[in-house]
Amino acid sequence: MRHVTFAGYRVRIPHHPVIRMVLGVVLVILGFFGFLPILGFWMIPLGLVILSVDIPAIRRLRRKAAVRLGVWLKARYPRLARSLGFTMSEGQAS
């Protein structure tokens, strides 16, 4: 199985692209029904992360979000940023 890494978490995803696409779309659609007891709004970002493997536009959004999260964490919580894998760049002192 393949995996996607986002904010220090690894999400395992199926290897076949059709299964990934179907799983991502189903998670996003069911996430819109997050007000129901079993479903949740957490399904939308997870579906988008899975779709980002195959769709370049969503991949760019995921990468931009990861960079913004890293910059924000490094400025406010440097220890947490290091533990999640957002390391300091070469020009910055630790």
PDB file of N, CA and C in Angstrom:
ATOM      1  N   MET A   1       0.833  -1.191   0.000  1.00  0.00           N
ATOM      2  CA  MET A   1       0.000   0.000   0.000  1.00  0.00           C
ATOM      3  C   MET A   1       0.873   1.247   0.000  1.00  0.00           C
ATOM      4  N   ARG A   2       0.378   2.283  -0.620  1.00  0.00           N
ATOM      5  CA  ARG A   2       1.060   3.570  -0.645  1.00  0.00           C
ATOM      6  C   ARG A   2       0.643   4.377   0.574  1.00  0.00           C
ATOM      7  N   HIS A   3       1.294   5.515   0.761  1.00  0.00           N
ATOM      8  CA  HIS A   3       0.913   6.398   1.853  1.00  0.00           C
ATOM      9  C   HIS A   3       1.135   7.852   1.443  1.00  0.00           C
ATOM     10  N   VAL A   4       0.409   8.731   2.122  1.00  0.00           N
ATOM     11  CA  VAL A   4       0.544  10.168   1.951  1.00  0.00           C
ATOM     12  C   VAL A   4       0.904  10.727   3.318  1.00  0.00           C
ATOM     13  N   THR A   5       1.876  11.629   3.364  1.00  0.00           N
ATOM     14  CA  THR A   5       2.277  12.248   4.623  1.00  0.00           C
ATOM     15  C   THR A   5       1.798  13.690   4.639  1.00  0.00           C
ATOM     16  N   PHE A   6       1.126  14.071   5.719  1.00  0.00           N
ATOM     17  CA  PHE A   6       0.668  15.446   5.885  1.00  0.00           C
ATOM     18  C   PHE A   6       0.737  15.790   7.361  1.00  0.00           C
ATOM     19  N   ALA A   7       1.467  16.828   7.677  1.00  0.00           N
ATOM     20  CA  ALA A   7       1.611  17.334   9.048  1.00  0.00           C
ATOM     21  C   ALA A   7       2.101  16.253  10.000  1.00  0.00           C
ATOM     22  N   GLY A   8       3.012  15.427   9.531  1.00  0.00           N
ATOM     23  CA  GLY A   8       3.593  14.415  10.381  1.00  0.00           C
ATOM     24  C   GLY A   8       2.813  13.119  10.472  1.00  0.00           C
ATOM     25  N   TYR A   9       1.649  13.058   9.878  1.00  0.00           N
ATOM     26  CA  TYR A   9       0.842  11.850   9.904  1.00  0.00           C
ATOM     27  C   TYR A   9       0.937  11.130   8.572  1.00  0.00           C
ATOM     28  N   ARG A  10       1.019   9.810   8.639  1.00  0.00           N
ATOM     29  CA  ARG A  10       1.053   9.001   7.417  1.00  0.00           C
ATOM     30  C   ARG A  10      -0.311   8.353   7.233  1.00  0.00           C
ATOM     31  N   VAL A  11      -0.898   8.554   6.059  1.00  0.00           N
ATOM     32  CA  VAL A  11      -2.189   7.961   5.726  1.00  0.00           C
ATOM     33  C   VAL A  11      -1.939   6.910   4.665  1.00  0.00           C
ATOM     34  N   ARG A  12      -2.273   5.665   4.986  1.00  0.00           N
ATOM     35  CA  ARG A  12      -2.115   4.590   4.012  1.00  0.00           C
ATOM     36  C   ARG A  12      -3.265   4.639   3.023  1.00  0.00           C
ATOM     37  N   ILE A  13      -2.944   4.487   1.749  1.00  0.00           N
ATOM     38  CA  ILE A  13      -3.966   4.529   0.705  1.00  0.00           C
ATOM     39  C   ILE A  13      -3.769   3.354  -0.242  1.00  0.00           C
ATOM     40  N   PRO A  14      -4.827   2.956  -0.955  1.00  0.00           N
ATOM     41  CA  PRO A  14      -4.701   1.844  -1.903  1.00  0.00           C
ATOM     42  C   PRO A  14      -3.737   2.177  -3.040  1.00  0.00           C
ATOM     43  N   HIS A  15      -3.170   1.142  -3.626  1.00  0.00           N
ATOM     44  CA  HIS A  15      -2.189   1.311  -4.699  1.00  0.00           C
ATOM     45  C   HIS A  15      -2.854   1.642  -6.038  1.00  0.00           C
ATOM     46  N   HIS A  16      -4.019   1.089  -6.306  1.00  0.00           N
ATOM     47  CA  HIS A  16      -4.672   1.273  -7.599  1.00  0.00           C
ATOM     48  C   HIS A  16      -5.330   2.653  -7.678  1.00  0.00           C
ATOM     49  N   PRO A  17      -5.062   3.414  -8.756  1.00  0.00           N
ATOM     50  CA  PRO A  17      -5.574   4.796  -8.844  1.00  0.00           C
ATOM     51  C   PRO A  17      -7.095   4.895  -8.870  1.00  0.00           C
ATOM     52  N   VAL A  18      -7.774   3.948  -9.483  1.00  0.00           N
ATOM     53  CA  VAL A  18      -9.246   4.015  -9.540  1.00  0.00           C
ATOM     54  C   VAL A  18      -9.830   3.860  -8.139  1.00  0.00           C
ATOM     55  N   ILE A  19      -9.284   2.941  -7.372  1.00  0.00           N
ATOM     56  CA  ILE A  19      -9.769   2.743  -6.001  1.00  0.00           C
ATOM     57  C   ILE A  19      -9.497   3.990  -5.164  1.00  0.00           C
ATOM     58  N   ARG A  20      -8.316   4.614  -5.353  1.00  0.00           N
ATOM     59  CA  ARG A  20      -8.000   5.850  -4.624  1.00  0.00           C
ATOM     60  C   ARG A  20      -8.988   6.958  -4.969  1.00  0.00           C
ATOM     61  N   MET A  21      -9.290   7.099  -6.256  1.00  0.00           N
ATOM     62  CA  MET A  21     -10.210   8.156  -6.686  1.00  0.00           C
ATOM     63  C   MET A  21     -11.607   7.934  -6.100  1.00  0.00           C
ATOM     64  N   VAL A  22     -12.082   6.702  -6.180  1.00  0.00           N
ATOM     65  CA  VAL A  22     -13.417   6.391  -5.652  1.00  0.00           C
ATOM     66  C   VAL A  22     -13.448   6.621  -4.141  1.00  0.00           C
ATOM     67  N   LEU A  23     -12.430   6.150  -3.430  1.00  0.00           N
ATOM     68  CA  LEU A  23     -12.372   6.329  -1.985  1.00  0.00           C
ATOM     69  C   LEU A  23     -12.340   7.814  -1.614  1.00  0.00           C
ATOM     70  N   GLY A  24     -11.531   8.598  -2.319  1.00  0.00           N
ATOM     71  CA  GLY A  24     -11.447  10.031  -2.029  1.00  0.00           C
ATOM     72  C   GLY A  24     -12.758  10.750  -2.274  1.00  0.00           C
ATOM     73  N   VAL A  25     -13.407  10.449  -3.396  1.00  0.00           N
ATOM     74  CA  VAL A  25     -14.681  11.100  -3.718  1.00  0.00           C
ATOM     75  C   VAL A  25     -15.759  10.697  -2.706  1.00  0.00           C
ATOM     76  N   VAL A  26     -15.796   9.421  -2.345  1.00  0.00           N
ATOM     77  CA  VAL A  26     -16.787   8.954  -1.367  1.00  0.00           C
ATOM     78  C   VAL A  26     -16.574   9.630  -0.018  1.00  0.00           C
ATOM     79  N   LEU A  27     -15.325   9.753   0.416  1.00  0.00           N
ATOM     80  CA  LEU A  27     -15.057  10.423   1.693  1.00  0.00           C
ATOM     81  C   LEU A  27     -15.478  11.892   1.665  1.00  0.00           C
ATOM     82  N   VAL A  28     -15.201  12.575   0.565  1.00  0.00           N
ATOM     83  CA  VAL A  28     -15.586  13.990   0.468  1.00  0.00           C
ATOM     84  C   VAL A  28     -17.109  14.124   0.472  1.00  0.00           C
ATOM     85  N   ILE A  29     -17.795  13.304  -0.300  1.00  0.00           N
ATOM     86  CA  ILE A  29     -19.258  13.392  -0.370  1.00  0.00           C
ATOM     87  C   ILE A  29     -19.880  13.066   0.983  1.00  0.00           C
ATOM     88  N   LEU A  30     -19.426  11.988   1.620  1.00  0.00           N
ATOM     89  CA  LEU A  30     -19.979  11.630   2.929  1.00  0.00           C
ATOM     90  C   LEU A  30     -19.607  12.652   3.998  1.00  0.00           C
ATOM     91  N   GLY A  31     -18.500  13.351   3.813  1.00  0.00           N
ATOM     92  CA  GLY A  31     -18.105  14.380   4.770  1.00  0.00           C
ATOM     93  C   GLY A  31     -19.079  15.547   4.815  1.00  0.00           C
ATOM     94  N   PHE A  32     -19.771  15.792   3.714  1.00  0.00           N
ATOM     95  CA  PHE A  32     -20.764  16.865   3.712  1.00  0.00           C
ATOM     96  C   PHE A  32     -21.972  16.523   4.580  1.00  0.00           C
ATOM     97  N   PHE A  33     -22.115  15.257   4.946  1.00  0.00           N
ATOM     98  CA  PHE A  33     -23.172  14.835   5.848  1.00  0.00           C
ATOM     99  C   PHE A  33     -22.619  14.648   7.254  1.00  0.00           C
ATOM    100  N   GLY A  34     -21.651  15.449   7.612  1.00  0.00           N
ATOM    101  CA  GLY A  34     -20.968  15.334   8.896  1.00  0.00           C
ATOM    102  C   GLY A  34     -21.833  15.623  10.096  1.00  0.00           C
ATOM    103  N   PHE A  35     -22.974  16.240   9.879  1.00  0.00           N
ATOM    104  CA  PHE A  35     -23.868  16.521  10.993  1.00  0.00           C
ATOM    105  C   PHE A  35     -24.600  15.267  11.456  1.00  0.00           C
ATOM    106  N   LEU A  36     -24.560  14.203  10.661  1.00  0.00           N
ATOM    107  CA  LEU A  36     -25.181  12.944  11.047  1.00  0.00           C
ATOM    108  C   LEU A  36     -24.287  12.225  12.064  1.00  0.00           C
ATOM    109  N   PRO A  37     -24.856  11.347  12.892  1.00  0.00           N
ATOM    110  CA  PRO A  37     -24.105  10.761  14.007  1.00  0.00           C
ATOM    111  C   PRO A  37     -22.856   9.963  13.627  1.00  0.00           C
ATOM    112  N   ILE A  38     -22.887   9.127  12.612  1.00  0.00           N
ATOM    113  CA  ILE A  38     -21.756   8.252  12.314  1.00  0.00           C
ATOM    114  C   ILE A  38     -20.726   8.953  11.435  1.00  0.00           C
ATOM    115  N   LEU A  39     -21.184   9.767  10.515  1.00  0.00           N
ATOM    116  CA  LEU A  39     -20.283  10.452   9.594  1.00  0.00           C
ATOM    117  C   LEU A  39     -19.675  11.672  10.286  1.00  0.00           C
ATOM    118  N   GLY A  40     -18.644  12.232   9.683  1.00  0.00           N
ATOM    119  CA  GLY A  40     -18.021  13.394  10.300  1.00  0.00           C
ATOM    120  C   GLY A  40     -17.403  14.313   9.268  1.00  0.00           C
ATOM    121  N   PHE A  41     -17.194  15.567   9.664  1.00  0.00           N
ATOM    122  CA  PHE A  41     -16.586  16.535   8.761  1.00  0.00           C
ATOM    123  C   PHE A  41     -15.111  16.236   8.521  1.00  0.00           C
ATOM    124  N   TRP A  42     -14.502  15.373   9.348  1.00  0.00           N
ATOM    125  CA  TRP A  42     -13.110  14.973   9.168  1.00  0.00           C
ATOM    126  C   TRP A  42     -12.914  14.213   7.864  1.00  0.00           C
ATOM    127  N   MET A  43     -13.985  13.702   7.289  1.00  0.00           N
ATOM    128  CA  MET A  43     -13.879  12.918   6.061  1.00  0.00           C
ATOM    129  C   MET A  43     -13.505  13.794   4.861  1.00  0.00           C
ATOM    130  N   ILE A  44     -13.862  15.068   4.885  1.00  0.00           N
ATOM    131  CA  ILE A  44     -13.577  15.956   3.754  1.00  0.00           C
ATOM    132  C   ILE A  44     -12.072  16.156   3.583  1.00  0.00           C
ATOM    133  N   PRO A  45     -11.317  16.583   4.623  1.00  0.00           N
ATOM    134  CA  PRO A  45      -9.877  16.743   4.399  1.00  0.00           C
ATOM    135  C   PRO A  45      -9.170  15.425   4.095  1.00  0.00           C
ATOM    136  N   LEU A  46      -9.615  14.332   4.713  1.00  0.00           N
ATOM    137  CA  LEU A  46      -8.993  13.041   4.421  1.00  0.00           C
ATOM    138  C   LEU A  46      -9.231  12.643   2.970  1.00  0.00           C
ATOM    139  N   GLY A  47     -10.441  12.865   2.462  1.00  0.00           N
ATOM    140  CA  GLY A  47     -10.730  12.576   1.058  1.00  0.00           C
ATOM    141  C   GLY A  47      -9.898  13.432   0.120  1.00  0.00           C
ATOM    142  N   LEU A  48      -9.707  14.709   0.471  1.00  0.00           N
ATOM    143  CA  LEU A  48      -8.896  15.586  -0.366  1.00  0.00           C
ATOM    144  C   LEU A  48      -7.421  15.178  -0.352  1.00  0.00           C
ATOM    145  N   VAL A  49      -6.934  14.714   0.801  1.00  0.00           N
ATOM    146  CA  VAL A  49      -5.548  14.236   0.859  1.00  0.00           C
ATOM    147  C   VAL A  49      -5.379  13.009  -0.024  1.00  0.00           C
ATOM    148  N   ILE A  50      -6.346  12.105  -0.007  1.00  0.00           N
ATOM    149  CA  ILE A  50      -6.275  10.914  -0.853  1.00  0.00           C
ATOM    150  C   ILE A  50      -6.366  11.302  -2.325  1.00  0.00           C
ATOM    151  N   LEU A  51      -7.251  12.229  -2.656  1.00  0.00           N
ATOM    152  CA  LEU A  51      -7.368  12.681  -4.044  1.00  0.00           C
ATOM    153  C   LEU A  51      -6.122  13.430  -4.511  1.00  0.00           C
ATOM    154  N   SER A  52      -5.371  14.022  -3.583  1.00  0.00           N
ATOM    155  CA  SER A  52      -4.195  14.806  -3.974  1.00  0.00           C
ATOM    156  C   SER A  52      -3.096  13.955  -4.588  1.00  0.00           C
ATOM    157  N   VAL A  53      -3.154  12.657  -4.420  1.00  0.00           N
ATOM    158  CA  VAL A  53      -2.157  11.786  -5.034  1.00  0.00           C
ATOM    159  C   VAL A  53      -2.319  11.790  -6.545  1.00  0.00           C
ATOM    160  N   ASP A  54      -3.553  11.862  -7.032  1.00  0.00           N
ATOM    161  CA  ASP A  54      -3.836  11.733  -8.457  1.00  0.00           C
ATOM    162  C   ASP A  54      -4.230  13.029  -9.150  1.00  0.00           C
ATOM    163  N   ILE A  55      -4.624  14.042  -8.422  1.00  0.00           N
ATOM    164  CA  ILE A  55      -5.100  15.288  -9.031  1.00  0.00           C
ATOM    165  C   ILE A  55      -4.120  16.412  -8.705  1.00  0.00           C
ATOM    166  N   PRO A  56      -3.416  16.927  -9.721  1.00  0.00           N
ATOM    167  CA  PRO A  56      -2.366  17.935  -9.467  1.00  0.00           C
ATOM    168  C   PRO A  56      -2.859  19.206  -8.777  1.00  0.00           C
ATOM    169  N   ALA A  57      -4.064  19.683  -9.089  1.00  0.00           N
ATOM    170  CA  ALA A  57      -4.554  20.918  -8.471  1.00  0.00           C
ATOM    171  C   ALA A  57      -4.733  20.739  -6.966  1.00  0.00           C
ATOM    172  N   ILE A  58      -5.256  19.614  -6.554  1.00  0.00           N
ATOM    173  CA  ILE A  58      -5.432  19.352  -5.126  1.00  0.00           C
ATOM    174  C   ILE A  58      -4.080  19.104  -4.476  1.00  0.00           C
ATOM    175  N   ARG A  59      -3.152  18.486  -5.211  1.00  0.00           N
ATOM    176  CA  ARG A  59      -1.804  18.264  -4.682  1.00  0.00           C
ATOM    177  C   ARG A  59      -1.132  19.596  -4.368  1.00  0.00           C
ATOM    178  N   ARG A  60      -1.297  20.582  -5.258  1.00  0.00           N
ATOM    179  CA  ARG A  60      -0.714  21.904  -5.007  1.00  0.00           C
ATOM    180  C   ARG A  60      -1.323  22.540  -3.757  1.00  0.00           C
ATOM    181  N   LEU A  61      -2.644  22.406  -3.595  1.00  0.00           N
ATOM    182  CA  LEU A  61      -3.296  22.958  -2.401  1.00  0.00           C
ATOM    183  C   LEU A  61      -2.782  22.280  -1.131  1.00  0.00           C
ATOM    184  N   ARG A  62      -2.578  20.959  -1.185  1.00  0.00           N
ATOM    185  CA  ARG A  62      -2.069  20.229  -0.018  1.00  0.00           C
ATOM    186  C   ARG A  62      -0.657  20.683   0.318  1.00  0.00           C
ATOM    187  N   ARG A  63       0.182  20.858  -0.703  1.00  0.00           N
ATOM    188  CA  ARG A  63       1.557  21.302  -0.446  1.00  0.00           C
ATOM    189  C   ARG A  63       1.592  22.714   0.116  1.00  0.00           C
ATOM    190  N   LYS A  64       0.764  23.616  -0.425  1.00  0.00           N
ATOM    191  CA  LYS A  64       0.706  24.977   0.101  1.00  0.00           C
ATOM    192  C   LYS A  64       0.219  24.983   1.542  1.00  0.00           C
ATOM    193  N   ALA A  65      -0.776  24.146   1.837  1.00  0.00           N
ATOM    194  CA  ALA A  65      -1.283  24.073   3.213  1.00  0.00           C
ATOM    195  C   ALA A  65      -0.214  23.536   4.151  1.00  0.00           C
ATOM    196  N   ALA A  66       0.561  22.557   3.703  1.00  0.00           N
ATOM    197  CA  ALA A  66       1.626  22.007   4.545  1.00  0.00           C
ATOM    198  C   ALA A  66       2.701  23.052   4.812  1.00  0.00           C
ATOM    199  N   VAL A  67       3.049  23.837   3.803  1.00  0.00           N
ATOM    200  CA  VAL A  67       4.061  24.885   3.985  1.00  0.00           C
ATOM    201  C   VAL A  67       3.542  25.956   4.944  1.00  0.00           C
ATOM    202  N   ARG A  68       2.295  26.381   4.767  1.00  0.00           N
ATOM    203  CA  ARG A  68       1.725  27.398   5.658  1.00  0.00           C
ATOM    204  C   ARG A  68       1.654  26.884   7.093  1.00  0.00           C
ATOM    205  N   LEU A  69       1.247  25.626   7.261  1.00  0.00           N
ATOM    206  CA  LEU A  69       1.190  25.044   8.594  1.00  0.00           C
ATOM    207  C   LEU A  69       2.579  24.989   9.215  1.00  0.00           C
ATOM    208  N   GLY A  70       3.584  24.624   8.431  1.00  0.00           N
ATOM    209  CA  GLY A  70       4.951  24.569   8.935  1.00  0.00           C
ATOM    210  C   GLY A  70       5.467  25.930   9.358  1.00  0.00           C
ATOM    211  N   VAL A  71       5.208  26.950   8.559  1.00  0.00           N
ATOM    212  CA  VAL A  71       5.647  28.308   8.899  1.00  0.00           C
ATOM    213  C   VAL A  71       4.955  28.786  10.169  1.00  0.00           C
ATOM    214  N   TRP A  72       3.668  28.530  10.260  1.00  0.00           N
ATOM    215  CA  TRP A  72       2.906  28.953  11.431  1.00  0.00           C
ATOM    216  C   TRP A  72       3.393  28.233  12.686  1.00  0.00           C
ATOM    217  N   LEU A  73       3.613  26.914  12.574  1.00  0.00           N
ATOM    218  CA  LEU A  73       4.080  26.153  13.726  1.00  0.00           C
ATOM    219  C   LEU A  73       5.487  26.561  14.143  1.00  0.00           C
ATOM    220  N   LYS A  74       6.376  26.779  13.167  1.00  0.00           N
ATOM    221  CA  LYS A  74       7.752  27.170  13.504  1.00  0.00           C
ATOM    222  C   LYS A  74       7.779  28.506  14.229  1.00  0.00           C
ATOM    223  N   ALA A  75       6.889  29.415  13.873  1.00  0.00           N
ATOM    224  CA  ALA A  75       6.868  30.728  14.511  1.00  0.00           C
ATOM    225  C   ALA A  75       6.295  30.660  15.925  1.00  0.00           C
ATOM    226  N   ARG A  76       5.323  29.800  16.168  1.00  0.00           N
ATOM    227  CA  ARG A  76       4.641  29.788  17.448  1.00  0.00           C
ATOM    228  C   ARG A  76       5.025  28.626  18.356  1.00  0.00           C
ATOM    229  N   TYR A  77       5.230  27.454  17.771  1.00  0.00           N
ATOM    230  CA  TYR A  77       5.526  26.246  18.554  1.00  0.00           C
ATOM    231  C   TYR A  77       6.680  25.484  17.908  1.00  0.00           C
ATOM    232  N   PRO A  78       7.911  25.962  18.058  1.00  0.00           N
ATOM    233  CA  PRO A  78       9.041  25.341  17.364  1.00  0.00           C
ATOM    234  C   PRO A  78       9.282  23.878  17.750  1.00  0.00           C
ATOM    235  N   ARG A  79       9.072  23.523  19.013  1.00  0.00           N
ATOM    236  CA  ARG A  79       9.274  22.121  19.408  1.00  0.00           C
ATOM    237  C   ARG A  79       8.263  21.212  18.740  1.00  0.00           C
ATOM    238  N   LEU A  80       7.021  21.625  18.684  1.00  0.00           N
ATOM    239  CA  LEU A  80       5.984  20.832  18.017  1.00  0.00           C
ATOM    240  C   LEU A  80       6.280  20.737  16.523  1.00  0.00           C
ATOM    241  N   ALA A  81       6.748  21.827  15.931  1.00  0.00           N
ATOM    242  CA  ALA A  81       7.083  21.822  14.504  1.00  0.00           C
ATOM    243  C   ALA A  81       8.197  20.822  14.221  1.00  0.00           C
ATOM    244  N   ARG A  82       9.220  20.784  15.078  1.00  0.00           N
ATOM    245  CA  ARG A  82      10.302  19.808  14.891  1.00  0.00           C
ATOM    246  C   ARG A  82       9.798  18.384  15.052  1.00  0.00           C
ATOM    247  N   SER A  83       8.918  18.156  16.018  1.00  0.00           N
ATOM    248  CA  SER A  83       8.427  16.795  16.238  1.00  0.00           C
ATOM    249  C   SER A  83       7.535  16.321  15.096  1.00  0.00           C
ATOM    250  N   LEU A  84       6.887  17.251  14.401  1.00  0.00           N
ATOM    251  CA  LEU A  84       6.051  16.884  13.257  1.00  0.00           C
ATOM    252  C   LEU A  84       6.830  16.828  11.948  1.00  0.00           C
ATOM    253  N   GLY A  85       8.109  17.181  11.980  1.00  0.00           N
ATOM    254  CA  GLY A  85       8.940  17.064  10.794  1.00  0.00           C
ATOM    255  C   GLY A  85       9.155  18.356  10.040  1.00  0.00           C
ATOM    256  N   PHE A  86       8.704  19.468  10.585  1.00  0.00           N
ATOM    257  CA  PHE A  86       8.948  20.761   9.959  1.00  0.00           C
ATOM    258  C   PHE A  86      10.261  21.293  10.532  1.00  0.00           C
ATOM    259  N   THR A  87      11.363  21.033   9.835  1.00  0.00           N
ATOM    260  CA  THR A  87      12.677  21.412  10.345  1.00  0.00           C
ATOM    261  C   THR A  87      13.004  22.837   9.946  1.00  0.00           C
ATOM    262  N   MET A  88      13.992  23.392  10.624  1.00  0.00           N
ATOM    263  CA  MET A  88      14.435  24.743  10.319  1.00  0.00           C
ATOM    264  C   MET A  88      15.150  24.765   8.976  1.00  0.00           C
ATOM    265  N   SER A  89      14.987  25.842   8.240  1.00  0.00           N
ATOM    266  CA  SER A  89      15.702  25.951   6.966  1.00  0.00           C
ATOM    267  C   SER A  89      17.160  26.300   7.233  1.00  0.00           C
ATOM    268  N   GLU A  90      17.987  26.201   6.206  1.00  0.00           N
ATOM    269  CA  GLU A  90      19.432  26.375   6.358  1.00  0.00           C
ATOM    270  C   GLU A  90      19.807  27.779   6.817  1.00  0.00           C
ATOM    271  N   GLY A  91      19.060  28.796   6.443  1.00  0.00           N
ATOM    272  CA  GLY A  91      19.416  30.160   6.767  1.00  0.00           C
ATOM    273  C   GLY A  91      19.051  30.574   8.174  1.00  0.00           C
ATOM    274  N   GLN A  92      18.253  29.756   8.884  1.00  0.00           N
ATOM    275  CA  GLN A  92      17.807  30.139  10.213  1.00  0.00           C
ATOM    276  C   GLN A  92      18.648  29.445  11.276  1.00  0.00           C
ATOM    277  N   ALA A  93      18.864  30.136  12.363  1.00  0.00           N
ATOM    278  CA  ALA A  93      19.576  29.538  13.503  1.00  0.00           C
ATOM    279  C   ALA A  93      18.570  28.811  14.370  1.00  0.00           C
ATOM    280  N   SER A  94      19.008  27.739  15.025  1.00  0.00           N
ATOM    281  CA  SER A  94      18.073  26.991  15.856  1.00  0.00           C
ATOM    282  C   SER A  94      18.039  27.452  17.239  1.00  0.00           C
TER     283      SER A  94
END
